[in-house]
Amino acid sequence: MFAIFEFGGKQYKVSEGDVVFLEKMNVEAGETVKFDKVLAISDEAGFQAGAPAIEGAYVEANAVKNGKNKKIVILRYKAKKNEKKKQGHRQPYTKVQITKIAKA
């Protein structure tokens, strides 16, 4: 059984027990999160797609931790102008574990 849900402008395909890294949410570790915008569900009964979402379906997850990804380095350089700019960025994330997929 798997589900496709949307969160933060991105779509995620998950099954029960999967661990997913999402955009940072305002939740503490150990809290339960519910995603209501389920686009599709597939189980032993078949595949069901929403238009655009399935009414009453949800994906429940447990927040494991909040953190930051590895640093990426952005280097801007203009040739022959002696102009350089170095910048770093660490994207924050929330790590969640999928506990339940339910449909109406």
PDB file of N, CA and C in Angstrom:
ATOM      1  N   MET A   1       0.841  -1.178   0.000  1.00  0.00           N
ATOM      2  CA  MET A   1       0.000   0.000   0.000  1.00  0.00           C
ATOM      3  C   MET A   1       0.885   1.240   0.000  1.00  0.00           C
ATOM      4  N   PHE A   2       0.566   2.192  -0.885  1.00  0.00           N
ATOM      5  CA  PHE A   2       1.290   3.453  -0.893  1.00  0.00           C
ATOM      6  C   PHE A   2       0.322   4.594  -1.133  1.00  0.00           C
ATOM      7  N   ALA A   3       0.784   5.795  -0.812  1.00  0.00           N
ATOM      8  CA  ALA A   3      -0.007   6.996  -1.025  1.00  0.00           C
ATOM      9  C   ALA A   3       0.892   8.090  -1.573  1.00  0.00           C
ATOM     10  N   ILE A   4       0.289   8.999  -2.318  1.00  0.00           N
ATOM     11  CA  ILE A   4       0.991  10.169  -2.811  1.00  0.00           C
ATOM     12  C   ILE A   4       0.299  11.387  -2.199  1.00  0.00           C
ATOM     13  N   PHE A   5       1.065  12.176  -1.434  1.00  0.00           N
ATOM     14  CA  PHE A   5       0.486  13.365  -0.826  1.00  0.00           C
ATOM     15  C   PHE A   5       1.328  14.578  -1.164  1.00  0.00           C
ATOM     16  N   GLU A   6       0.718  15.754  -1.002  1.00  0.00           N
ATOM     17  CA  GLU A   6       1.392  17.003  -1.314  1.00  0.00           C
ATOM     18  C   GLU A   6       1.622  17.790  -0.035  1.00  0.00           C
ATOM     19  N   PHE A   7       2.840  18.319   0.094  1.00  0.00           N
ATOM     20  CA  PHE A   7       3.171  19.172   1.230  1.00  0.00           C
ATOM     21  C   PHE A   7       4.283  20.119   0.805  1.00  0.00           C
ATOM     22  N   GLY A   8       4.104  21.382   1.087  1.00  0.00           N
ATOM     23  CA  GLY A   8       5.139  22.373   0.788  1.00  0.00           C
ATOM     24  C   GLY A   8       5.416  22.524  -0.694  1.00  0.00           C
ATOM     25  N   GLY A   9       4.402  22.308  -1.541  1.00  0.00           N
ATOM     26  CA  GLY A   9       4.588  22.459  -2.978  1.00  0.00           C
ATOM     27  C   GLY A   9       5.265  21.278  -3.642  1.00  0.00           C
ATOM     28  N   LYS A  10       5.496  20.193  -2.899  1.00  0.00           N
ATOM     29  CA  LYS A  10       6.138  19.006  -3.443  1.00  0.00           C
ATOM     30  C   LYS A  10       5.249  17.789  -3.200  1.00  0.00           C
ATOM     31  N   GLN A  11       5.410  16.756  -4.013  1.00  0.00           N
ATOM     32  CA  GLN A  11       4.638  15.531  -3.869  1.00  0.00           C
ATOM     33  C   GLN A  11       5.561  14.414  -3.405  1.00  0.00           C
ATOM     34  N   TYR A  12       5.051  13.578  -2.482  1.00  0.00           N
ATOM     35  CA  TYR A  12       5.837  12.496  -1.901  1.00  0.00           C
ATOM     36  C   TYR A  12       5.068  11.187  -2.023  1.00  0.00           C
ATOM     37  N   LYS A  13       5.757  10.132  -2.468  1.00  0.00           N
ATOM     38  CA  LYS A  13       5.171   8.795  -2.536  1.00  0.00           C
ATOM     39  C   LYS A  13       5.700   8.028  -1.328  1.00  0.00           C
ATOM     40  N   VAL A  14       4.779   7.578  -0.452  1.00  0.00           N
ATOM     41  CA  VAL A  14       5.181   6.950   0.799  1.00  0.00           C
ATOM     42  C   VAL A  14       4.378   5.685   1.057  1.00  0.00           C
ATOM     43  N   SER A  15       4.955   4.802   1.858  1.00  0.00           N
ATOM     44  CA  SER A  15       4.291   3.631   2.401  1.00  0.00           C
ATOM     45  C   SER A  15       4.392   3.710   3.915  1.00  0.00           C
ATOM     46  N   GLU A  16       3.648   2.865   4.617  1.00  0.00           N
ATOM     47  CA  GLU A  16       3.738   2.863   6.082  1.00  0.00           C
ATOM     48  C   GLU A  16       5.128   2.420   6.501  1.00  0.00           C
ATOM     49  N   GLY A  17       5.703   3.159   7.459  1.00  0.00           N
ATOM     50  CA  GLY A  17       7.039   2.848   7.955  1.00  0.00           C
ATOM     51  C   GLY A  17       8.146   3.621   7.267  1.00  0.00           C
ATOM     52  N   ASP A  18       7.859   4.301   6.164  1.00  0.00           N
ATOM     53  CA  ASP A  18       8.878   5.073   5.451  1.00  0.00           C
ATOM     54  C   ASP A  18       9.314   6.284   6.266  1.00  0.00           C
ATOM     55  N   VAL A  19      10.571   6.683   6.081  1.00  0.00           N
ATOM     56  CA  VAL A  19      11.111   7.892   6.693  1.00  0.00           C
ATOM     57  C   VAL A  19      11.341   8.898   5.571  1.00  0.00           C
ATOM     58  N   VAL A  20      10.781  10.107   5.725  1.00  0.00           N
ATOM     59  CA  VAL A  20      10.829  11.121   4.677  1.00  0.00           C
ATOM     60  C   VAL A  20      11.356  12.430   5.264  1.00  0.00           C
ATOM     61  N   PHE A  21      12.148  13.138   4.474  1.00  0.00           N
ATOM     62  CA  PHE A  21      12.637  14.460   4.849  1.00  0.00           C
ATOM     63  C   PHE A  21      11.769  15.499   4.151  1.00  0.00           C
ATOM     64  N   LEU A  22      11.050  16.309   4.922  1.00  0.00           N
ATOM     65  CA  LEU A  22      10.135  17.322   4.399  1.00  0.00           C
ATOM     66  C   LEU A  22      10.674  18.710   4.687  1.00  0.00           C
ATOM     67  N   GLU A  23      10.011  19.722   4.099  1.00  0.00           N
ATOM     68  CA  GLU A  23      10.340  21.103   4.436  1.00  0.00           C
ATOM     69  C   GLU A  23      10.088  21.314   5.926  1.00  0.00           C
ATOM     70  N   LYS A  24      10.803  22.248   6.537  1.00  0.00           N
ATOM     71  CA  LYS A  24      10.703  22.462   7.981  1.00  0.00           C
ATOM     72  C   LYS A  24       9.280  22.810   8.408  1.00  0.00           C
ATOM     73  N   MET A  25       8.804  22.119   9.450  1.00  0.00           N
ATOM     74  CA  MET A  25       7.486  22.377  10.021  1.00  0.00           C
ATOM     75  C   MET A  25       7.662  22.821  11.468  1.00  0.00           C
ATOM     76  N   ASN A  26       6.657  23.486  11.999  1.00  0.00           N
ATOM     77  CA  ASN A  26       6.704  23.938  13.384  1.00  0.00           C
ATOM     78  C   ASN A  26       6.151  22.851  14.301  1.00  0.00           C
ATOM     79  N   VAL A  27       6.867  21.746  14.412  1.00  0.00           N
ATOM     80  CA  VAL A  27       6.503  20.651  15.314  1.00  0.00           C
ATOM     81  C   VAL A  27       7.742  20.208  16.067  1.00  0.00           C
ATOM     82  N   GLU A  28       7.521  19.674  17.251  1.00  0.00           N
ATOM     83  CA  GLU A  28       8.620  19.130  18.051  1.00  0.00           C
ATOM     84  C   GLU A  28       8.780  17.655  17.737  1.00  0.00           C
ATOM     85  N   ALA A  29       9.926  17.097  18.064  1.00  0.00           N
ATOM     86  CA  ALA A  29      10.166  15.669  17.870  1.00  0.00           C
ATOM     87  C   ALA A  29       9.192  14.868  18.729  1.00  0.00           C
ATOM     88  N   GLY A  30       8.576  13.854  18.150  1.00  0.00           N
ATOM     89  CA  GLY A  30       7.620  13.028  18.861  1.00  0.00           C
ATOM     90  C   GLY A  30       6.170  13.399  18.608  1.00  0.00           C
ATOM     91  N   GLU A  31       5.915  14.560  18.032  1.00  0.00           N
ATOM     92  CA  GLU A  31       4.541  14.975  17.750  1.00  0.00           C
ATOM     93  C   GLU A  31       4.000  14.252  16.519  1.00  0.00           C
ATOM     94  N   THR A  32       2.675  14.127  16.452  1.00  0.00           N
ATOM     95  CA  THR A  32       2.010  13.506  15.315  1.00  0.00           C
ATOM     96  C   THR A  32       1.544  14.579  14.348  1.00  0.00           C
ATOM     97  N   VAL A  33       1.754  14.323  13.050  1.00  0.00           N
ATOM     98  CA  VAL A  33       1.383  15.257  11.997  1.00  0.00           C
ATOM     99  C   VAL A  33       0.423  14.547  11.048  1.00  0.00           C
ATOM    100  N   LYS A  34      -0.585  15.282  10.566  1.00  0.00           N
ATOM    101  CA  LYS A  34      -1.580  14.708   9.669  1.00  0.00           C
ATOM    102  C   LYS A  34      -1.579  15.494   8.360  1.00  0.00           C
ATOM    103  N   PHE A  35      -1.416  14.790   7.222  1.00  0.00           N
ATOM    104  CA  PHE A  35      -1.431  15.406   5.901  1.00  0.00           C
ATOM    105  C   PHE A  35      -2.746  15.042   5.222  1.00  0.00           C
ATOM    106  N   ASP A  36      -3.565  16.067   4.922  1.00  0.00           N
ATOM    107  CA  ASP A  36      -4.903  15.841   4.380  1.00  0.00           C
ATOM    108  C   ASP A  36      -4.958  15.872   2.855  1.00  0.00           C
ATOM    109  N   LYS A  37      -3.985  16.445   2.216  1.00  0.00           N
ATOM    110  CA  LYS A  37      -4.018  16.578   0.758  1.00  0.00           C
ATOM    111  C   LYS A  37      -3.402  15.338   0.106  1.00  0.00           C
ATOM    112  N   VAL A  38      -4.173  14.237   0.101  1.00  0.00           N
ATOM    113  CA  VAL A  38      -3.732  12.970  -0.489  1.00  0.00           C
ATOM    114  C   VAL A  38      -4.205  12.949  -1.938  1.00  0.00           C
ATOM    115  N   LEU A  39      -3.265  12.813  -2.869  1.00  0.00           N
ATOM    116  CA  LEU A  39      -3.588  12.858  -4.290  1.00  0.00           C
ATOM    117  C   LEU A  39      -3.962  11.495  -4.849  1.00  0.00           C
ATOM    118  N   ALA A  40      -3.355  10.421  -4.312  1.00  0.00           N
ATOM    119  CA  ALA A  40      -3.638   9.074  -4.807  1.00  0.00           C
ATOM    120  C   ALA A  40      -3.321   8.050  -3.729  1.00  0.00           C
ATOM    121  N   ILE A  41      -4.052   6.931  -3.771  1.00  0.00           N
ATOM    122  CA  ILE A  41      -3.815   5.811  -2.857  1.00  0.00           C
ATOM    123  C   ILE A  41      -3.896   4.515  -3.659  1.00  0.00           C
ATOM    124  N   SER A  42      -2.966   3.622  -3.386  1.00  0.00           N
ATOM    125  CA  SER A  42      -2.995   2.307  -4.002  1.00  0.00           C
ATOM    126  C   SER A  42      -2.932   1.258  -2.885  1.00  0.00           C
ATOM    127  N   ASP A  43      -3.854   0.310  -2.908  1.00  0.00           N
ATOM    128  CA  ASP A  43      -3.850  -0.775  -1.934  1.00  0.00           C
ATOM    129  C   ASP A  43      -4.312  -2.048  -2.617  1.00  0.00           C
ATOM    130  N   GLU A  44      -4.626  -3.086  -1.820  1.00  0.00           N
ATOM    131  CA  GLU A  44      -5.022  -4.357  -2.415  1.00  0.00           C
ATOM    132  C   GLU A  44      -6.336  -4.264  -3.185  1.00  0.00           C
ATOM    133  N   ALA A  45      -7.169  -3.271  -2.894  1.00  0.00           N
ATOM    134  CA  ALA A  45      -8.443  -3.088  -3.605  1.00  0.00           C
ATOM    135  C   ALA A  45      -8.248  -2.408  -4.956  1.00  0.00           C
ATOM    136  N   GLY A  46      -7.105  -1.772  -5.166  1.00  0.00           N
ATOM    137  CA  GLY A  46      -6.844  -1.099  -6.435  1.00  0.00           C
ATOM    138  C   GLY A  46      -6.275   0.287  -6.232  1.00  0.00           C
ATOM    139  N   PHE A  47      -6.218   1.016  -7.323  1.00  0.00           N
ATOM    140  CA  PHE A  47      -5.650   2.364  -7.325  1.00  0.00           C
ATOM    141  C   PHE A  47      -6.775   3.379  -7.367  1.00  0.00           C
ATOM    142  N   GLN A  48      -6.661   4.426  -6.547  1.00  0.00           N
ATOM    143  CA  GLN A  48      -7.669   5.481  -6.511  1.00  0.00           C
ATOM    144  C   GLN A  48      -6.955   6.821  -6.586  1.00  0.00           C
ATOM    145  N   ALA A  49      -7.330   7.625  -7.579  1.00  0.00           N
ATOM    146  CA  ALA A  49      -6.743   8.951  -7.744  1.00  0.00           C
ATOM    147  C   ALA A  49      -7.800  10.001  -7.471  1.00  0.00           C
ATOM    148  N   GLY A  50      -7.397  11.093  -6.889  1.00  0.00           N
ATOM    149  CA  GLY A  50      -8.310  12.179  -6.592  1.00  0.00           C
ATOM    150  C   GLY A  50      -8.354  13.193  -7.715  1.00  0.00           C
ATOM    151  N   ALA A  51      -9.313  14.087  -7.646  1.00  0.00           N
ATOM    152  CA  ALA A  51      -9.408  15.150  -8.629  1.00  0.00           C
ATOM    153  C   ALA A  51      -9.684  16.464  -7.912  1.00  0.00           C
ATOM    154  N   PRO A  52      -8.739  17.181  -7.370  1.00  0.00           N
ATOM    155  CA  PRO A  52      -7.312  16.878  -7.295  1.00  0.00           C
ATOM    156  C   PRO A  52      -6.919  16.040  -6.077  1.00  0.00           C
ATOM    157  N   ALA A  53      -7.737  16.013  -5.018  1.00  0.00           N
ATOM    158  CA  ALA A  53      -7.387  15.234  -3.823  1.00  0.00           C
ATOM    159  C   ALA A  53      -8.540  14.300  -3.475  1.00  0.00           C
ATOM    160  N   ILE A  54      -8.222  13.260  -2.688  1.00  0.00           N
ATOM    161  CA  ILE A  54      -9.232  12.298  -2.258  1.00  0.00           C
ATOM    162  C   ILE A  54      -9.876  12.817  -0.978  1.00  0.00           C
ATOM    163  N   GLU A  55     -11.202  12.924  -0.986  1.00  0.00           N
ATOM    164  CA  GLU A  55     -11.938  13.418   0.176  1.00  0.00           C
ATOM    165  C   GLU A  55     -11.841  12.419   1.334  1.00  0.00           C
ATOM    166  N   GLY A  56     -11.486  12.903   2.519  1.00  0.00           N
ATOM    167  CA  GLY A  56     -11.456  12.073   3.715  1.00  0.00           C
ATOM    168  C   GLY A  56     -10.204  11.243   3.898  1.00  0.00           C
ATOM    169  N   ALA A  57      -9.335  11.196   2.904  1.00  0.00           N
ATOM    170  CA  ALA A  57      -8.102  10.417   3.028  1.00  0.00           C
ATOM    171  C   ALA A  57      -7.029  11.267   3.710  1.00  0.00           C
ATOM    172  N   TYR A  58      -6.166  10.597   4.456  1.00  0.00           N
ATOM    173  CA  TYR A  58      -5.069  11.311   5.114  1.00  0.00           C
ATOM    174  C   TYR A  58      -3.884  10.384   5.337  1.00  0.00           C
ATOM    175  N   VAL A  59      -2.738  11.003   5.534  1.00  0.00           N
ATOM    176  CA  VAL A  59      -1.500  10.303   5.871  1.00  0.00           C
ATOM    177  C   VAL A  59      -1.061  10.834   7.222  1.00  0.00           C
ATOM    178  N   GLU A  60      -0.822   9.934   8.161  1.00  0.00           N
ATOM    179  CA  GLU A  60      -0.403  10.317   9.510  1.00  0.00           C
ATOM    180  C   GLU A  60       1.070   9.964   9.685  1.00  0.00           C
ATOM    181  N   ALA A  61       1.808  10.882  10.302  1.00  0.00           N
ATOM    182  CA  ALA A  61       3.246  10.683  10.476  1.00  0.00           C
ATOM    183  C   ALA A  61       3.674  11.158  11.848  1.00  0.00           C
ATOM    184  N   ASN A  62       4.803  10.630  12.295  1.00  0.00           N
ATOM    185  CA  ASN A  62       5.393  11.000  13.574  1.00  0.00           C
ATOM    186  C   ASN A  62       6.682  11.773  13.297  1.00  0.00           C
ATOM    187  N   ALA A  63       6.799  12.989  13.837  1.00  0.00           N
ATOM    188  CA  ALA A  63       8.001  13.798  13.636  1.00  0.00           C
ATOM    189  C   ALA A  63       9.157  13.182  14.420  1.00  0.00           C
ATOM    190  N   VAL A  64      10.246  12.873  13.727  1.00  0.00           N
ATOM    191  CA  VAL A  64      11.414  12.265  14.364  1.00  0.00           C
ATOM    192  C   VAL A  64      12.364  13.341  14.864  1.00  0.00           C
ATOM    193  N   LYS A  65      12.723  14.295  13.982  1.00  0.00           N
ATOM    194  CA  LYS A  65      13.624  15.376  14.404  1.00  0.00           C
ATOM    195  C   LYS A  65      13.592  16.519  13.412  1.00  0.00           C
ATOM    196  N   ASN A  66      14.042  17.672  13.859  1.00  0.00           N
ATOM    197  CA  ASN A  66      14.263  18.833  13.006  1.00  0.00           C
ATOM    198  C   ASN A  66      15.765  19.015  12.860  1.00  0.00           C
ATOM    199  N   GLY A  67      16.205  19.414  11.696  1.00  0.00           N
ATOM    200  CA  GLY A  67      17.635  19.589  11.494  1.00  0.00           C
ATOM    201  C   GLY A  67      17.924  20.427  10.268  1.00  0.00           C
ATOM    202  N   LYS A  68      19.212  20.430   9.874  1.00  0.00           N
ATOM    203  CA  LYS A  68      19.647  21.145   8.687  1.00  0.00           C
ATOM    204  C   LYS A  68      20.464  20.201   7.810  1.00  0.00           C
ATOM    205  N   ASN A  69      20.310  20.346   6.478  1.00  0.00           N
ATOM    206  CA  ASN A  69      21.090  19.552   5.532  1.00  0.00           C
ATOM    207  C   ASN A  69      22.540  20.003   5.534  1.00  0.00           C
ATOM    208  N   LYS A  70      23.368  19.297   4.767  1.00  0.00           N
ATOM    209  CA  LYS A  70      24.757  19.689   4.617  1.00  0.00           C
ATOM    210  C   LYS A  70      24.841  21.032   3.913  1.00  0.00           C
ATOM    211  N   LYS A  71      25.912  21.755   4.177  1.00  0.00           N
ATOM    212  CA  LYS A  71      26.089  23.080   3.604  1.00  0.00           C
ATOM    213  C   LYS A  71      26.418  22.966   2.112  1.00  0.00           C
ATOM    214  N   ILE A  72      25.747  23.812   1.335  1.00  0.00           N
ATOM    215  CA  ILE A  72      26.132  23.968  -0.060  1.00  0.00           C
ATOM    216  C   ILE A  72      26.780  25.339  -0.196  1.00  0.00           C
ATOM    217  N   VAL A  73      27.753  25.438  -1.093  1.00  0.00           N
ATOM    218  CA  VAL A  73      28.500  26.676  -1.268  1.00  0.00           C
ATOM    219  C   VAL A  73      28.097  27.302  -2.593  1.00  0.00           C
ATOM    220  N   ILE A  74      27.724  28.572  -2.551  1.00  0.00           N
ATOM    221  CA  ILE A  74      27.376  29.329  -3.747  1.00  0.00           C
ATOM    222  C   ILE A  74      28.512  30.297  -3.996  1.00  0.00           C
ATOM    223  N   LEU A  75      29.097  30.247  -5.176  1.00  0.00           N
ATOM    224  CA  LEU A  75      30.205  31.140  -5.519  1.00  0.00           C
ATOM    225  C   LEU A  75      29.826  31.919  -6.769  1.00  0.00           C
ATOM    226  N   ARG A  76      29.721  33.228  -6.628  1.00  0.00           N
ATOM    227  CA  ARG A  76      29.434  34.093  -7.770  1.00  0.00           C
ATOM    228  C   ARG A  76      30.743  34.761  -8.187  1.00  0.00           C
ATOM    229  N   TYR A  77      31.007  34.747  -9.478  1.00  0.00           N
ATOM    230  CA  TYR A  77      32.285  35.228  -9.977  1.00  0.00           C
ATOM    231  C   TYR A  77      32.064  35.943 -11.302  1.00  0.00           C
ATOM    232  N   LYS A  78      32.648  37.133 -11.436  1.00  0.00           N
ATOM    233  CA  LYS A  78      32.584  37.859 -12.692  1.00  0.00           C
ATOM    234  C   LYS A  78      34.009  38.000 -13.228  1.00  0.00           C
ATOM    235  N   ALA A  79      34.218  37.443 -14.391  1.00  0.00           N
ATOM    236  CA  ALA A  79      35.555  37.430 -14.984  1.00  0.00           C
ATOM    237  C   ALA A  79      36.023  38.846 -15.331  1.00  0.00           C
ATOM    238  N   LYS A  80      37.297  39.070 -15.162  1.00  0.00           N
ATOM    239  CA  LYS A  80      37.974  40.326 -15.523  1.00  0.00           C
ATOM    240  C   LYS A  80      37.512  41.530 -14.716  1.00  0.00           C
ATOM    241  N   LYS A  81      36.702  41.343 -13.688  1.00  0.00           N
ATOM    242  CA  LYS A  81      36.200  42.452 -12.874  1.00  0.00           C
ATOM    243  C   LYS A  81      36.688  42.378 -11.425  1.00  0.00           C
ATOM    244  N   ASN A  82      37.454  41.336 -11.091  1.00  0.00           N
ATOM    245  CA  ASN A  82      37.934  41.107  -9.729  1.00  0.00           C
ATOM    246  C   ASN A  82      36.765  41.121  -8.739  1.00  0.00           C
ATOM    247  N   GLU A  83      35.666  40.475  -9.118  1.00  0.00           N
ATOM    248  CA  GLU A  83      34.470  40.455  -8.289  1.00  0.00           C
ATOM    249  C   GLU A  83      34.111  39.011  -7.962  1.00  0.00           C
ATOM    250  N   LYS A  84      34.121  38.685  -6.674  1.00  0.00           N
ATOM    251  CA  LYS A  84      33.771  37.343  -6.204  1.00  0.00           C
ATOM    252  C   LYS A  84      32.888  37.472  -4.976  1.00  0.00           C
ATOM    253  N   LYS A  85      31.952  36.536  -4.845  1.00  0.00           N
ATOM    254  CA  LYS A  85      31.124  36.500  -3.643  1.00  0.00           C
ATOM    255  C   LYS A  85      30.874  35.039  -3.290  1.00  0.00           C
ATOM    256  N   LYS A  86      31.227  34.658  -2.080  1.00  0.00           N
ATOM    257  CA  LYS A  86      31.051  33.292  -1.605  1.00  0.00           C
ATOM    258  C   LYS A  86      29.977  33.288  -0.530  1.00  0.00           C
ATOM    259  N   GLN A  87      29.043  32.362  -0.649  1.00  0.00           N
ATOM    260  CA  GLN A  87      27.936  32.299   0.283  1.00  0.00           C
ATOM    261  C   GLN A  87      27.611  30.840   0.549  1.00  0.00           C
ATOM    262  N   GLY A  88      27.208  30.538   1.780  1.00  0.00           N
ATOM    263  CA  GLY A  88      26.814  29.180   2.140  1.00  0.00           C
ATOM    264  C   GLY A  88      25.343  29.122   2.508  1.00  0.00           C
ATOM    265  N   HIS A  89      24.755  27.926   2.396  1.00  0.00           N
ATOM    266  CA  HIS A  89      23.341  27.751   2.736  1.00  0.00           C
ATOM    267  C   HIS A  89      23.120  26.345   3.289  1.00  0.00           C
ATOM    268  N   ARG A  90      22.347  26.255   4.368  1.00  0.00           N
ATOM    269  CA  ARG A  90      21.929  24.961   4.928  1.00  0.00           C
ATOM    270  C   ARG A  90      20.408  24.973   5.016  1.00  0.00           C
ATOM    271  N   GLN A  91      19.770  24.095   4.233  1.00  0.00           N
ATOM    272  CA  GLN A  91      18.311  24.043   4.181  1.00  0.00           C
ATOM    273  C   GLN A  91      17.773  23.311   5.405  1.00  0.00           C
ATOM    274  N   PRO A  92      16.846  23.926   6.156  1.00  0.00           N
ATOM    275  CA  PRO A  92      16.249  23.220   7.302  1.00  0.00           C
ATOM    276  C   PRO A  92      15.235  22.179   6.831  1.00  0.00           C
ATOM    277  N   TYR A  93      15.101  21.097   7.606  1.00  0.00           N
ATOM    278  CA  TYR A  93      14.163  20.031   7.259  1.00  0.00           C
ATOM    279  C   TYR A  93      13.522  19.468   8.518  1.00  0.00           C
ATOM    280  N   THR A  94      12.450  18.711   8.318  1.00  0.00           N
ATOM    281  CA  THR A  94      11.822  17.931   9.374  1.00  0.00           C
ATOM    282  C   THR A  94      11.784  16.484   8.905  1.00  0.00           C
ATOM    283  N   LYS A  95      12.330  15.594   9.712  1.00  0.00           N
ATOM    284  CA  LYS A  95      12.362  14.177   9.382  1.00  0.00           C
ATOM    285  C   LYS A  95      11.129  13.531  10.024  1.00  0.00           C
ATOM    286  N   VAL A  96      10.288  12.869   9.198  1.00  0.00           N
ATOM    287  CA  VAL A  96       9.065  12.236   9.706  1.00  0.00           C
ATOM    288  C   VAL A  96       9.042  10.769   9.313  1.00  0.00           C
ATOM    289  N   GLN A  97       8.369   9.973  10.125  1.00  0.00           N
ATOM    290  CA  GLN A  97       8.155   8.557   9.832  1.00  0.00           C
ATOM    291  C   GLN A  97       6.657   8.337   9.654  1.00  0.00           C
ATOM    292  N   ILE A  98       6.280   7.728   8.535  1.00  0.00           N
ATOM    293  CA  ILE A  98       4.875   7.511   8.201  1.00  0.00           C
ATOM    294  C   ILE A  98       4.341   6.366   9.069  1.00  0.00           C
ATOM    295  N   THR A  99       3.241   6.636   9.780  1.00  0.00           N
ATOM    296  CA  THR A  99       2.681   5.631  10.662  1.00  0.00           C
ATOM    297  C   THR A  99       1.373   5.045  10.150  1.00  0.00           C
ATOM    298  N   LYS A 100       0.593   5.844   9.391  1.00  0.00           N
ATOM    299  CA  LYS A 100      -0.733   5.362   8.983  1.00  0.00           C
ATOM    300  C   LYS A 100      -1.168   6.021   7.688  1.00  0.00           C
ATOM    301  N   ILE A 101      -1.744   5.214   6.807  1.00  0.00           N
ATOM    302  CA  ILE A 101      -2.367   5.726   5.585  1.00  0.00           C
ATOM    303  C   ILE A 101      -3.828   5.288   5.635  1.00  0.00           C
ATOM    304  N   ALA A 102      -4.760   6.247   5.582  1.00  0.00           N
ATOM    305  CA  ALA A 102      -6.176   5.918   5.703  1.00  0.00           C
ATOM    306  C   ALA A 102      -6.960   6.599   4.592  1.00  0.00           C
ATOM    307  N   LYS A 103      -7.974   5.913   4.108  1.00  0.00           N
ATOM    308  CA  LYS A 103      -8.870   6.525   3.127  1.00  0.00           C
ATOM    309  C   LYS A 103     -10.312   6.395   3.604  1.00  0.00           C
ATOM    310  N   ALA A 104     -11.139   7.293   3.101  1.00  0.00           N
ATOM    311  CA  ALA A 104     -12.534   7.359   3.553  1.00  0.00           C
ATOM    312  C   ALA A 104     -13.348   6.172   3.042  1.00  0.00           C
TER     313      ALA A 104
END
